[in-house]
Amino acid sequence: MPSAPLTRAAAVLGVVVLAGLAWATAAPSRPAAATAPRAIVQAGPGLAGQFLVATDTLRDPRFARTVIYVIRHDANGAMGLVVNRPVRDMPLAPLLRKFGLDDRGVSGSVRAHYGGPVEIGQGFLLHTAEYATQGTERVAGDIAMTPAPGVLSALSDIARGAGPRKSLFAVGYAGWGPGQLEGEIERDAWITVPADPALLFDEDHARKWARAMARRRLTI
């Protein structure tokens, strides 16, 4: 049986589209930007671009056996997206049509993931960094993130084969205040391991936690 957070995430996906992205519907789909996405400012090296992997000591059902890709980590706290909890597939044509966007010739769907318990009405797209649209930020290496309002433009581009090579659509995010994540890591609630696009975008979600956990053997 799905956990309560996953059930709530599935229940609000329609609200996500209506509330979290509705104010972006007037923005037309954009082509890939001519310049590189804006870089995220960080205080020190931080953990942005790495995986947080929940250990078995973390009993919170919202995060049990989750793999989180860290988007930001600085003096103000941290933000990341859970990348191994798919919720449901959303057909793209009805989604675009609902917002008055052209759905001619559009087929297929986008898989929505539970990104975390914070702002469950917001959508985020993790994707390879050769693509950019409104609000796209490069996180690390070949990985970028597009929040609202650019998410809808990105999904429209994906529907037409003009989006990023790889992407992951998440609803909600995980957030920590200043020093909070560091304290949880010290209490062995999380380990940090290297991230890469191959594991981040792998659709074998059932094994993603075990594969990420195994990487701790490669870290010193």
N, C-alpha and C. Protein backbone atom coordinates (compact mmCIF):
# COMPACT_ATOMS: atom_id res chain seq x y z
N MET A 1 0.86 -1.20 0.00
CA MET A 1 0.00 0.00 0.00
C MET A 1 0.89 1.24 0.00
N PRO A 2 0.56 2.25 -0.86
CA PRO A 2 1.40 3.44 -0.89
C PRO A 2 1.38 4.16 0.44
N SER A 3 2.48 4.84 0.77
CA SER A 3 2.53 5.62 2.00
C SER A 3 1.63 6.83 1.87
N ALA A 4 1.31 7.45 3.02
CA ALA A 4 0.42 8.61 3.01
C ALA A 4 0.96 9.74 2.15
N PRO A 5 2.27 10.07 2.22
CA PRO A 5 2.78 11.14 1.36
C PRO A 5 2.61 10.84 -0.11
N LEU A 6 2.83 9.57 -0.52
CA LEU A 6 2.66 9.23 -1.92
C LEU A 6 1.20 9.31 -2.33
N THR A 7 0.31 8.87 -1.44
CA THR A 7 -1.12 8.96 -1.74
C THR A 7 -1.54 10.40 -1.91
N ARG A 8 -1.06 11.27 -1.01
CA ARG A 8 -1.40 12.69 -1.13
C ARG A 8 -0.82 13.28 -2.41
N ALA A 9 0.39 12.87 -2.75
CA ALA A 9 1.01 13.39 -3.97
C ALA A 9 0.19 13.01 -5.19
N ALA A 10 -0.26 11.77 -5.24
CA ALA A 10 -1.07 11.34 -6.36
C ALA A 10 -2.38 12.10 -6.40
N ALA A 11 -2.95 12.34 -5.24
CA ALA A 11 -4.25 13.01 -5.17
C ALA A 11 -4.17 14.46 -5.63
N VAL A 12 -3.02 15.09 -5.42
CA VAL A 12 -2.95 16.52 -5.73
C VAL A 12 -2.31 16.80 -7.08
N LEU A 13 -2.03 15.77 -7.88
CA LEU A 13 -1.38 16.06 -9.15
C LEU A 13 -2.24 16.96 -10.03
N GLY A 14 -3.56 16.75 -9.97
CA GLY A 14 -4.42 17.66 -10.72
C GLY A 14 -4.33 19.07 -10.18
N VAL A 15 -4.20 19.20 -8.85
CA VAL A 15 -4.06 20.51 -8.23
C VAL A 15 -2.71 21.11 -8.57
N VAL A 16 -1.70 20.26 -8.68
CA VAL A 16 -0.38 20.76 -9.07
C VAL A 16 -0.48 21.48 -10.40
N VAL A 17 -1.17 20.84 -11.32
CA VAL A 17 -1.30 21.44 -12.64
C VAL A 17 -2.13 22.71 -12.57
N LEU A 18 -3.19 22.69 -11.78
CA LEU A 18 -4.08 23.84 -11.72
C LEU A 18 -3.51 24.97 -10.88
N ALA A 19 -2.90 24.64 -9.73
CA ALA A 19 -2.44 25.67 -8.81
C ALA A 19 -0.95 25.96 -8.96
N GLY A 20 -0.16 24.91 -9.02
CA GLY A 20 1.27 25.12 -9.04
C GLY A 20 1.81 25.65 -10.34
N LEU A 21 1.14 25.34 -11.47
CA LEU A 21 1.66 25.74 -12.76
C LEU A 21 0.72 26.66 -13.53
N ALA A 22 -0.48 26.89 -13.03
CA ALA A 22 -1.47 27.63 -13.81
C ALA A 22 -1.00 29.02 -14.18
N TRP A 23 -0.29 29.68 -13.30
CA TRP A 23 0.14 31.05 -13.57
C TRP A 23 1.21 31.11 -14.63
N ALA A 24 1.70 29.96 -15.07
CA ALA A 24 2.71 29.95 -16.12
C ALA A 24 2.13 29.68 -17.50
N THR A 25 0.82 29.48 -17.61
CA THR A 25 0.25 29.02 -18.86
C THR A 25 0.34 30.04 -19.97
N ALA A 26 0.45 31.30 -19.63
CA ALA A 26 0.51 32.31 -20.68
C ALA A 26 1.86 32.33 -21.37
N ALA A 27 2.86 31.73 -20.76
CA ALA A 27 4.20 31.74 -21.34
C ALA A 27 4.28 30.71 -22.45
N PRO A 28 4.62 31.12 -23.68
CA PRO A 28 4.74 30.16 -24.77
C PRO A 28 5.96 29.27 -24.58
N SER A 29 5.92 28.13 -25.25
CA SER A 29 7.07 27.24 -25.21
C SER A 29 8.26 27.92 -25.85
N ARG A 30 9.42 27.82 -25.19
CA ARG A 30 10.61 28.47 -25.69
C ARG A 30 11.58 27.45 -26.27
N PRO A 31 12.35 27.86 -27.27
CA PRO A 31 13.42 26.98 -27.73
C PRO A 31 14.54 26.98 -26.71
N ALA A 32 15.49 26.08 -26.87
CA ALA A 32 16.63 26.04 -25.96
C ALA A 32 17.37 27.36 -25.99
N ALA A 33 17.79 27.82 -24.82
CA ALA A 33 18.44 29.11 -24.72
C ALA A 33 19.77 29.09 -25.45
N ALA A 34 20.16 30.25 -25.96
CA ALA A 34 21.41 30.34 -26.70
C ALA A 34 22.61 30.29 -25.77
N THR A 35 22.41 30.69 -24.50
CA THR A 35 23.51 30.70 -23.54
C THR A 35 23.27 29.64 -22.49
N ALA A 36 24.30 29.34 -21.73
CA ALA A 36 24.19 28.31 -20.70
C ALA A 36 23.25 28.76 -19.60
N PRO A 37 22.55 27.83 -18.93
CA PRO A 37 21.65 28.20 -17.84
C PRO A 37 22.40 28.91 -16.73
N ARG A 38 21.68 29.73 -15.97
CA ARG A 38 22.26 30.45 -14.85
C ARG A 38 22.75 29.48 -13.79
N ALA A 39 23.94 29.70 -13.31
CA ALA A 39 24.52 28.83 -12.30
C ALA A 39 23.94 29.15 -10.93
N ILE A 40 23.78 28.16 -10.10
CA ILE A 40 23.30 28.35 -8.74
C ILE A 40 24.46 28.82 -7.87
N VAL A 41 24.24 29.89 -7.14
CA VAL A 41 25.26 30.40 -6.23
C VAL A 41 25.28 29.54 -4.97
N GLN A 42 26.45 29.12 -4.55
CA GLN A 42 26.58 28.30 -3.36
C GLN A 42 27.61 28.90 -2.42
N ALA A 43 27.44 28.65 -1.12
CA ALA A 43 28.44 29.06 -0.13
C ALA A 43 29.36 27.88 0.10
N GLY A 44 30.58 27.97 -0.38
CA GLY A 44 31.50 26.85 -0.28
C GLY A 44 31.10 25.76 -1.27
N PRO A 45 31.76 24.59 -1.20
CA PRO A 45 31.48 23.53 -2.17
C PRO A 45 30.09 22.96 -2.02
N GLY A 46 29.59 22.85 -0.79
CA GLY A 46 28.25 22.33 -0.57
C GLY A 46 28.09 20.91 -1.09
N LEU A 47 26.85 20.43 -1.08
CA LEU A 47 26.54 19.09 -1.54
C LEU A 47 25.73 19.09 -2.83
N ALA A 48 25.51 20.25 -3.42
CA ALA A 48 24.73 20.32 -4.66
C ALA A 48 25.35 19.41 -5.71
N GLY A 49 24.48 18.64 -6.37
CA GLY A 49 24.96 17.72 -7.39
C GLY A 49 25.30 16.34 -6.86
N GLN A 50 25.09 16.09 -5.58
CA GLN A 50 25.34 14.77 -5.00
C GLN A 50 24.01 14.12 -4.60
N PHE A 51 24.08 12.83 -4.33
CA PHE A 51 22.93 12.10 -3.81
C PHE A 51 22.99 12.06 -2.29
N LEU A 52 21.83 12.29 -1.66
CA LEU A 52 21.61 11.92 -0.27
C LEU A 52 20.88 10.59 -0.28
N VAL A 53 21.40 9.62 0.44
CA VAL A 53 20.79 8.30 0.48
C VAL A 53 20.37 8.02 1.93
N ALA A 54 19.07 7.79 2.13
CA ALA A 54 18.56 7.54 3.48
C ALA A 54 19.08 6.21 4.01
N THR A 55 19.60 6.22 5.24
CA THR A 55 20.04 4.98 5.86
C THR A 55 18.86 4.32 6.57
N ASP A 56 19.07 3.11 7.06
CA ASP A 56 17.99 2.41 7.74
C ASP A 56 17.67 3.00 9.11
N THR A 57 18.50 3.93 9.59
CA THR A 57 18.19 4.58 10.86
C THR A 57 17.15 5.68 10.68
N LEU A 58 16.90 6.08 9.45
CA LEU A 58 15.91 7.13 9.18
C LEU A 58 14.54 6.47 9.05
N ARG A 59 13.70 6.67 10.04
CA ARG A 59 12.41 5.97 10.11
C ARG A 59 11.25 6.80 9.55
N ASP A 60 11.48 8.07 9.27
CA ASP A 60 10.41 8.93 8.75
C ASP A 60 9.88 8.33 7.44
N PRO A 61 8.59 7.95 7.38
CA PRO A 61 8.07 7.30 6.17
C PRO A 61 8.14 8.18 4.93
N ARG A 62 8.23 9.48 5.13
CA ARG A 62 8.34 10.38 3.97
C ARG A 62 9.68 10.21 3.26
N PHE A 63 10.67 9.70 3.98
CA PHE A 63 12.01 9.62 3.42
C PHE A 63 12.64 8.23 3.50
N ALA A 64 11.91 7.25 4.03
CA ALA A 64 12.49 5.92 4.18
C ALA A 64 12.96 5.39 2.83
N ARG A 65 14.23 4.99 2.78
CA ARG A 65 14.86 4.42 1.59
C ARG A 65 14.70 5.33 0.36
N THR A 66 14.83 6.59 0.56
CA THR A 66 14.79 7.52 -0.56
C THR A 66 16.19 7.86 -1.03
N VAL A 67 16.26 8.24 -2.28
CA VAL A 67 17.47 8.83 -2.86
C VAL A 67 17.09 10.25 -3.27
N ILE A 68 17.84 11.22 -2.76
CA ILE A 68 17.54 12.63 -3.03
C ILE A 68 18.70 13.25 -3.79
N TYR A 69 18.38 13.91 -4.88
CA TYR A 69 19.38 14.66 -5.61
C TYR A 69 19.41 16.08 -5.05
N VAL A 70 20.57 16.53 -4.57
CA VAL A 70 20.67 17.83 -3.92
C VAL A 70 20.77 18.93 -4.97
N ILE A 71 19.84 19.87 -4.90
CA ILE A 71 19.79 21.00 -5.84
C ILE A 71 20.60 22.18 -5.31
N ARG A 72 20.38 22.50 -4.04
CA ARG A 72 21.08 23.62 -3.40
C ARG A 72 21.54 23.20 -2.01
N HIS A 73 22.70 23.73 -1.63
CA HIS A 73 23.20 23.52 -0.27
C HIS A 73 24.17 24.64 0.03
N ASP A 74 23.76 25.53 0.93
CA ASP A 74 24.61 26.67 1.27
C ASP A 74 24.30 27.09 2.70
N ALA A 75 24.72 28.29 3.06
CA ALA A 75 24.54 28.76 4.43
C ALA A 75 23.08 28.93 4.80
N ASN A 76 22.20 28.99 3.82
CA ASN A 76 20.77 29.18 4.08
C ASN A 76 20.01 27.87 4.23
N GLY A 77 20.68 26.75 4.02
CA GLY A 77 20.01 25.47 4.13
C GLY A 77 20.23 24.62 2.89
N ALA A 78 19.30 23.72 2.63
CA ALA A 78 19.46 22.81 1.50
C ALA A 78 18.10 22.49 0.88
N MET A 79 18.14 22.11 -0.38
CA MET A 79 16.94 21.70 -1.12
C MET A 79 17.32 20.54 -2.02
N GLY A 80 16.43 19.56 -2.12
CA GLY A 80 16.67 18.44 -3.02
C GLY A 80 15.37 17.83 -3.48
N LEU A 81 15.48 16.90 -4.43
CA LEU A 81 14.32 16.22 -4.99
C LEU A 81 14.50 14.72 -4.84
N VAL A 82 13.47 14.06 -4.28
CA VAL A 82 13.46 12.60 -4.23
C VAL A 82 13.35 12.08 -5.66
N VAL A 83 14.20 11.12 -6.02
CA VAL A 83 14.25 10.67 -7.41
C VAL A 83 13.92 9.19 -7.58
N ASN A 84 13.43 8.54 -6.52
CA ASN A 84 13.11 7.11 -6.66
C ASN A 84 11.71 6.75 -6.17
N ARG A 85 10.79 7.72 -6.23
CA ARG A 85 9.41 7.43 -5.85
C ARG A 85 8.44 7.91 -6.93
N PRO A 86 8.28 7.15 -8.01
CA PRO A 86 7.29 7.51 -9.02
C PRO A 86 5.88 7.41 -8.47
N VAL A 87 5.00 8.29 -8.93
CA VAL A 87 3.63 8.31 -8.43
C VAL A 87 2.64 7.87 -9.50
N ARG A 88 2.66 8.53 -10.65
CA ARG A 88 1.73 8.16 -11.71
C ARG A 88 2.18 8.79 -13.02
N ASP A 89 1.65 8.26 -14.12
CA ASP A 89 1.90 8.82 -15.45
C ASP A 89 0.78 9.79 -15.79
N MET A 90 1.17 10.90 -16.38
CA MET A 90 0.20 11.94 -16.78
C MET A 90 0.25 12.08 -18.30
N PRO A 91 -0.85 11.81 -19.02
CA PRO A 91 -0.87 12.00 -20.47
C PRO A 91 -0.56 13.46 -20.82
N LEU A 92 0.33 13.66 -21.79
CA LEU A 92 0.77 15.02 -22.11
C LEU A 92 -0.27 15.82 -22.89
N ALA A 93 -0.98 15.20 -23.82
CA ALA A 93 -1.93 15.95 -24.66
C ALA A 93 -3.01 16.62 -23.81
N PRO A 94 -3.71 15.91 -22.92
CA PRO A 94 -4.71 16.59 -22.10
C PRO A 94 -4.11 17.67 -21.21
N LEU A 95 -2.88 17.44 -20.74
CA LEU A 95 -2.23 18.42 -19.89
C LEU A 95 -2.00 19.73 -20.64
N LEU A 96 -1.47 19.62 -21.86
CA LEU A 96 -1.23 20.82 -22.66
C LEU A 96 -2.55 21.49 -23.04
N ARG A 97 -3.54 20.68 -23.41
CA ARG A 97 -4.83 21.23 -23.83
C ARG A 97 -5.51 21.97 -22.69
N LYS A 98 -5.34 21.48 -21.47
CA LYS A 98 -5.96 22.11 -20.31
C LYS A 98 -5.49 23.54 -20.14
N PHE A 99 -4.25 23.81 -20.58
CA PHE A 99 -3.70 25.14 -20.44
C PHE A 99 -3.72 25.95 -21.72
N GLY A 100 -4.49 25.47 -22.68
CA GLY A 100 -4.62 26.22 -23.92
C GLY A 100 -3.42 26.13 -24.82
N LEU A 101 -2.55 25.15 -24.59
CA LEU A 101 -1.38 24.96 -25.43
C LEU A 101 -1.69 23.98 -26.55
N ASP A 102 -1.00 24.12 -27.65
CA ASP A 102 -1.23 23.29 -28.82
C ASP A 102 -0.89 21.83 -28.51
N ASP A 103 -1.86 20.94 -28.66
CA ASP A 103 -1.62 19.53 -28.40
C ASP A 103 -1.68 18.69 -29.66
N ARG A 104 -1.69 19.34 -30.83
CA ARG A 104 -1.76 18.59 -32.08
C ARG A 104 -0.51 17.73 -32.27
N GLY A 105 -0.75 16.47 -32.56
CA GLY A 105 0.35 15.56 -32.79
C GLY A 105 1.07 15.10 -31.54
N VAL A 106 0.57 15.49 -30.38
CA VAL A 106 1.22 15.13 -29.12
C VAL A 106 0.70 13.78 -28.63
N SER A 107 1.60 12.93 -28.23
CA SER A 107 1.23 11.65 -27.65
C SER A 107 2.16 11.36 -26.48
N GLY A 108 1.92 10.26 -25.83
CA GLY A 108 2.79 9.89 -24.72
C GLY A 108 2.40 10.56 -23.42
N SER A 109 3.22 10.32 -22.41
CA SER A 109 2.92 10.82 -21.07
C SER A 109 4.21 11.19 -20.36
N VAL A 110 4.07 11.88 -19.24
CA VAL A 110 5.21 12.18 -18.39
C VAL A 110 4.95 11.54 -17.03
N ARG A 111 5.98 10.94 -16.46
CA ARG A 111 5.84 10.29 -15.16
C ARG A 111 6.12 11.29 -14.05
N ALA A 112 5.16 11.45 -13.17
CA ALA A 112 5.32 12.35 -12.03
C ALA A 112 5.89 11.58 -10.85
N HIS A 113 6.87 12.18 -10.16
CA HIS A 113 7.51 11.59 -9.00
C HIS A 113 7.20 12.42 -7.76
N TYR A 114 7.15 11.75 -6.62
CA TYR A 114 7.08 12.44 -5.33
C TYR A 114 8.45 13.03 -5.06
N GLY A 115 8.54 14.37 -5.11
CA GLY A 115 9.82 15.03 -4.93
C GLY A 115 10.14 15.36 -3.49
N GLY A 116 9.11 15.35 -2.62
CA GLY A 116 9.31 15.67 -1.22
C GLY A 116 8.06 16.30 -0.65
N PRO A 117 8.03 16.48 0.68
CA PRO A 117 6.80 16.94 1.35
C PRO A 117 6.60 18.45 1.36
N VAL A 118 7.57 19.22 0.87
CA VAL A 118 7.46 20.68 0.92
C VAL A 118 6.85 21.19 -0.39
N GLU A 119 5.88 22.10 -0.28
CA GLU A 119 5.22 22.70 -1.45
C GLU A 119 4.81 21.63 -2.45
N ILE A 120 3.96 20.71 -2.00
CA ILE A 120 3.53 19.60 -2.82
C ILE A 120 2.75 20.06 -4.05
N GLY A 121 2.39 21.34 -4.10
CA GLY A 121 1.70 21.87 -5.28
C GLY A 121 2.62 22.45 -6.32
N GLN A 122 3.94 22.27 -6.17
CA GLN A 122 4.89 22.81 -7.14
C GLN A 122 5.54 21.69 -7.93
N GLY A 123 5.81 21.96 -9.20
CA GLY A 123 6.46 20.99 -10.06
C GLY A 123 7.87 21.43 -10.42
N PHE A 124 8.78 20.47 -10.56
CA PHE A 124 10.17 20.72 -10.91
C PHE A 124 10.62 19.69 -11.93
N LEU A 125 11.47 20.10 -12.85
CA LEU A 125 12.01 19.18 -13.84
C LEU A 125 13.52 19.13 -13.70
N LEU A 126 14.04 17.96 -13.33
CA LEU A 126 15.47 17.70 -13.40
C LEU A 126 15.76 17.20 -14.80
N HIS A 127 16.83 17.69 -15.41
CA HIS A 127 17.09 17.28 -16.79
C HIS A 127 18.55 17.50 -17.16
N THR A 128 18.93 16.94 -18.28
CA THR A 128 20.27 17.16 -18.80
C THR A 128 20.41 18.61 -19.25
N ALA A 129 21.63 19.13 -19.13
CA ALA A 129 21.84 20.58 -19.19
C ALA A 129 22.01 21.13 -20.60
N GLU A 130 21.86 20.30 -21.62
CA GLU A 130 21.91 20.86 -22.97
C GLU A 130 20.64 21.63 -23.30
N TYR A 131 19.61 21.47 -22.46
CA TYR A 131 18.32 22.14 -22.66
C TYR A 131 18.15 23.23 -21.60
N ALA A 132 17.54 24.33 -22.00
CA ALA A 132 17.21 25.39 -21.05
C ALA A 132 15.96 26.12 -21.50
N THR A 133 15.19 26.59 -20.54
CA THR A 133 14.02 27.41 -20.81
C THR A 133 13.89 28.39 -19.66
N GLN A 134 12.73 28.99 -19.49
CA GLN A 134 12.55 30.01 -18.47
C GLN A 134 12.85 29.46 -17.07
N GLY A 135 13.81 30.09 -16.38
CA GLY A 135 14.12 29.72 -15.01
C GLY A 135 15.08 28.56 -14.85
N THR A 136 15.57 27.99 -15.93
CA THR A 136 16.48 26.84 -15.82
C THR A 136 17.77 27.23 -15.11
N GLU A 137 18.20 26.38 -14.19
CA GLU A 137 19.43 26.60 -13.43
C GLU A 137 20.31 25.36 -13.55
N ARG A 138 21.57 25.56 -13.85
CA ARG A 138 22.50 24.44 -13.87
C ARG A 138 22.87 24.11 -12.42
N VAL A 139 22.79 22.82 -12.09
CA VAL A 139 23.11 22.39 -10.73
C VAL A 139 24.57 21.97 -10.64
N ALA A 140 24.94 20.97 -11.42
CA ALA A 140 26.32 20.48 -11.41
C ALA A 140 26.54 19.63 -12.65
N GLY A 141 27.70 19.74 -13.25
CA GLY A 141 28.01 18.92 -14.40
C GLY A 141 26.97 19.06 -15.49
N ASP A 142 26.40 17.94 -15.89
CA ASP A 142 25.44 17.92 -16.99
C ASP A 142 24.00 17.93 -16.50
N ILE A 143 23.76 18.33 -15.26
CA ILE A 143 22.42 18.31 -14.70
C ILE A 143 21.92 19.72 -14.42
N ALA A 144 20.68 19.99 -14.83
CA ALA A 144 20.04 21.28 -14.58
C ALA A 144 18.66 21.04 -14.00
N MET A 145 18.05 22.10 -13.48
CA MET A 145 16.71 22.02 -12.90
C MET A 145 15.89 23.20 -13.38
N THR A 146 14.64 22.91 -13.80
CA THR A 146 13.71 23.96 -14.20
C THR A 146 12.51 23.93 -13.28
N PRO A 147 12.27 25.02 -12.52
CA PRO A 147 11.09 25.11 -11.66
C PRO A 147 9.95 25.79 -12.42
N ALA A 148 8.81 25.99 -11.75
CA ALA A 148 7.76 26.81 -12.33
C ALA A 148 8.27 28.25 -12.44
N PRO A 149 7.89 29.01 -13.47
CA PRO A 149 6.89 28.66 -14.47
C PRO A 149 7.42 27.94 -15.70
N GLY A 150 8.72 27.69 -15.77
CA GLY A 150 9.28 27.09 -16.98
C GLY A 150 8.94 25.63 -17.18
N VAL A 151 8.42 24.95 -16.14
CA VAL A 151 8.12 23.53 -16.25
C VAL A 151 7.16 23.24 -17.39
N LEU A 152 6.13 24.04 -17.51
CA LEU A 152 5.12 23.78 -18.53
C LEU A 152 5.72 23.93 -19.93
N SER A 153 6.56 24.93 -20.12
CA SER A 153 7.24 25.09 -21.40
C SER A 153 8.11 23.88 -21.69
N ALA A 154 8.81 23.40 -20.66
CA ALA A 154 9.68 22.23 -20.85
C ALA A 154 8.86 20.99 -21.21
N LEU A 155 7.72 20.78 -20.53
CA LEU A 155 6.89 19.63 -20.84
C LEU A 155 6.33 19.72 -22.25
N SER A 156 5.99 20.93 -22.68
CA SER A 156 5.52 21.12 -24.05
C SER A 156 6.60 20.75 -25.05
N ASP A 157 7.84 21.15 -24.76
CA ASP A 157 8.95 20.80 -25.64
C ASP A 157 9.21 19.30 -25.64
N ILE A 158 9.12 18.68 -24.47
CA ILE A 158 9.30 17.23 -24.38
C ILE A 158 8.27 16.52 -25.24
N ALA A 159 7.03 17.02 -25.20
CA ALA A 159 5.95 16.39 -25.96
C ALA A 159 6.21 16.42 -27.46
N ARG A 160 7.04 17.35 -27.91
CA ARG A 160 7.34 17.48 -29.33
C ARG A 160 8.75 17.02 -29.69
N GLY A 161 9.38 16.35 -28.77
CA GLY A 161 10.70 15.84 -29.06
C GLY A 161 11.78 16.90 -29.07
N ALA A 162 11.49 18.08 -28.52
CA ALA A 162 12.45 19.19 -28.51
C ALA A 162 12.97 19.47 -27.11
N GLY A 163 12.69 18.59 -26.18
CA GLY A 163 13.12 18.80 -24.81
C GLY A 163 14.50 18.22 -24.55
N PRO A 164 14.86 18.08 -23.28
CA PRO A 164 16.17 17.53 -22.93
C PRO A 164 16.27 16.05 -23.27
N ARG A 165 17.52 15.54 -23.34
CA ARG A 165 17.73 14.12 -23.63
C ARG A 165 17.12 13.25 -22.54
N LYS A 166 17.33 13.66 -21.28
CA LYS A 166 16.82 12.91 -20.14
C LYS A 166 16.16 13.88 -19.18
N SER A 167 15.10 13.44 -18.52
CA SER A 167 14.43 14.33 -17.57
C SER A 167 13.67 13.52 -16.53
N LEU A 168 13.37 14.19 -15.41
CA LEU A 168 12.58 13.60 -14.33
C LEU A 168 11.71 14.71 -13.75
N PHE A 169 10.39 14.50 -13.79
CA PHE A 169 9.42 15.48 -13.31
C PHE A 169 9.02 15.14 -11.88
N ALA A 170 9.21 16.08 -10.97
CA ALA A 170 8.91 15.83 -9.56
C ALA A 170 7.91 16.85 -9.03
N VAL A 171 7.09 16.41 -8.09
CA VAL A 171 6.09 17.24 -7.44
C VAL A 171 6.49 17.39 -5.97
N GLY A 172 6.68 18.64 -5.53
CA GLY A 172 7.15 18.90 -4.18
C GLY A 172 8.65 18.73 -4.09
N TYR A 173 9.22 19.12 -2.94
CA TYR A 173 10.66 18.98 -2.75
C TYR A 173 10.97 18.74 -1.28
N ALA A 174 12.21 18.37 -1.01
CA ALA A 174 12.69 18.20 0.36
C ALA A 174 13.53 19.42 0.71
N GLY A 175 13.32 19.98 1.90
CA GLY A 175 14.04 21.18 2.29
C GLY A 175 14.54 21.11 3.72
N TRP A 176 15.66 21.77 3.97
CA TRP A 176 16.27 21.82 5.31
C TRP A 176 16.69 23.25 5.62
N GLY A 177 16.55 23.67 6.86
CA GLY A 177 17.01 24.97 7.30
C GLY A 177 18.51 24.96 7.52
N PRO A 178 19.08 26.12 7.87
CA PRO A 178 20.53 26.21 8.10
C PRO A 178 21.01 25.19 9.14
N GLY A 179 21.98 24.39 8.77
CA GLY A 179 22.56 23.42 9.69
C GLY A 179 21.76 22.15 9.91
N GLN A 180 20.50 22.13 9.45
CA GLN A 180 19.64 20.99 9.73
C GLN A 180 20.12 19.72 9.03
N LEU A 181 20.44 19.83 7.76
CA LEU A 181 20.90 18.65 7.03
C LEU A 181 22.22 18.14 7.60
N GLU A 182 23.13 19.06 7.93
CA GLU A 182 24.41 18.65 8.50
C GLU A 182 24.20 17.83 9.78
N GLY A 183 23.23 18.26 10.61
CA GLY A 183 22.94 17.53 11.83
C GLY A 183 22.40 16.14 11.55
N GLU A 184 21.54 16.01 10.53
CA GLU A 184 20.98 14.70 10.20
C GLU A 184 22.06 13.78 9.65
N ILE A 185 23.01 14.33 8.89
CA ILE A 185 24.12 13.52 8.38
C ILE A 185 25.00 13.05 9.54
N GLU A 186 25.25 13.93 10.50
CA GLU A 186 26.05 13.55 11.67
C GLU A 186 25.38 12.45 12.49
N ARG A 187 24.06 12.42 12.48
CA ARG A 187 23.31 11.37 13.20
C ARG A 187 23.13 10.12 12.34
N ASP A 188 23.81 10.07 11.21
CA ASP A 188 23.79 8.90 10.32
C ASP A 188 22.43 8.63 9.70
N ALA A 189 21.60 9.68 9.56
CA ALA A 189 20.33 9.51 8.86
C ALA A 189 20.53 9.44 7.35
N TRP A 190 21.60 10.07 6.88
CA TRP A 190 21.90 10.11 5.44
C TRP A 190 23.38 9.82 5.21
N ILE A 191 23.66 9.25 4.06
CA ILE A 191 25.02 9.25 3.56
C ILE A 191 25.01 10.04 2.25
N THR A 192 26.14 10.56 1.87
CA THR A 192 26.27 11.27 0.60
C THR A 192 27.16 10.45 -0.32
N VAL A 193 26.72 10.34 -1.59
CA VAL A 193 27.49 9.59 -2.57
C VAL A 193 27.49 10.36 -3.88
N PRO A 194 28.44 10.07 -4.77
CA PRO A 194 28.48 10.76 -6.05
C PRO A 194 27.21 10.48 -6.87
N ALA A 195 26.78 11.49 -7.59
CA ALA A 195 25.62 11.35 -8.47
C ALA A 195 26.09 11.41 -9.92
N ASP A 196 25.32 10.78 -10.79
CA ASP A 196 25.59 10.88 -12.22
C ASP A 196 24.27 10.71 -12.96
N PRO A 197 24.21 11.17 -14.22
CA PRO A 197 22.95 11.08 -14.97
C PRO A 197 22.45 9.66 -15.14
N ALA A 198 23.37 8.68 -15.27
CA ALA A 198 22.93 7.31 -15.52
C ALA A 198 22.03 6.79 -14.40
N LEU A 199 22.42 7.02 -13.15
CA LEU A 199 21.61 6.55 -12.03
C LEU A 199 20.45 7.50 -11.76
N LEU A 200 20.68 8.79 -11.90
CA LEU A 200 19.63 9.77 -11.63
C LEU A 200 18.40 9.51 -12.49
N PHE A 201 18.60 9.27 -13.79
CA PHE A 201 17.47 9.13 -14.71
C PHE A 201 17.10 7.67 -14.99
N ASP A 202 17.74 6.73 -14.30
CA ASP A 202 17.40 5.33 -14.48
C ASP A 202 15.96 5.09 -14.03
N GLU A 203 15.20 4.36 -14.82
CA GLU A 203 13.80 4.12 -14.51
C GLU A 203 13.57 2.87 -13.67
N ASP A 204 14.64 2.20 -13.29
CA ASP A 204 14.51 1.05 -12.39
C ASP A 204 14.49 1.60 -10.95
N HIS A 205 13.36 2.21 -10.61
CA HIS A 205 13.25 2.89 -9.31
C HIS A 205 13.34 1.93 -8.13
N ALA A 206 12.91 0.70 -8.32
CA ALA A 206 12.90 -0.26 -7.22
C ALA A 206 14.32 -0.57 -6.75
N ARG A 207 15.31 -0.45 -7.62
CA ARG A 207 16.69 -0.78 -7.27
C ARG A 207 17.57 0.45 -7.08
N LYS A 208 17.01 1.62 -7.29
CA LYS A 208 17.84 2.83 -7.26
C LYS A 208 18.44 3.07 -5.88
N TRP A 209 17.66 2.83 -4.82
CA TRP A 209 18.19 3.04 -3.46
C TRP A 209 19.36 2.11 -3.19
N ALA A 210 19.21 0.82 -3.50
CA ALA A 210 20.28 -0.15 -3.24
C ALA A 210 21.52 0.19 -4.06
N ARG A 211 21.33 0.61 -5.29
CA ARG A 211 22.47 0.95 -6.13
C ARG A 211 23.18 2.19 -5.62
N ALA A 212 22.40 3.17 -5.16
CA ALA A 212 23.02 4.38 -4.61
C ALA A 212 23.72 4.06 -3.29
N MET A 213 23.10 3.24 -2.44
CA MET A 213 23.71 2.87 -1.17
C MET A 213 25.04 2.14 -1.39
N ALA A 214 25.11 1.33 -2.42
CA ALA A 214 26.34 0.58 -2.70
C ALA A 214 27.50 1.51 -3.03
N ARG A 215 27.22 2.72 -3.45
CA ARG A 215 28.29 3.64 -3.82
C ARG A 215 29.09 4.14 -2.62
N ARG A 216 28.60 3.94 -1.43
CA ARG A 216 29.34 4.39 -0.26
C ARG A 216 30.67 3.66 -0.14
N ARG A 217 30.76 2.51 -0.76
CA ARG A 217 32.03 1.76 -0.75
C ARG A 217 33.09 2.45 -1.61
N LEU A 218 32.62 3.34 -2.49
CA LEU A 218 33.53 4.03 -3.37
C LEU A 218 33.99 5.36 -2.81
N THR A 219 33.39 5.78 -1.68
CA THR A 219 33.74 7.06 -1.09
C THR A 219 34.69 6.87 0.07
N ILE A 220 35.48 7.89 0.35
CA ILE A 220 36.44 7.83 1.46
C ILE A 220 36.09 8.91 2.47
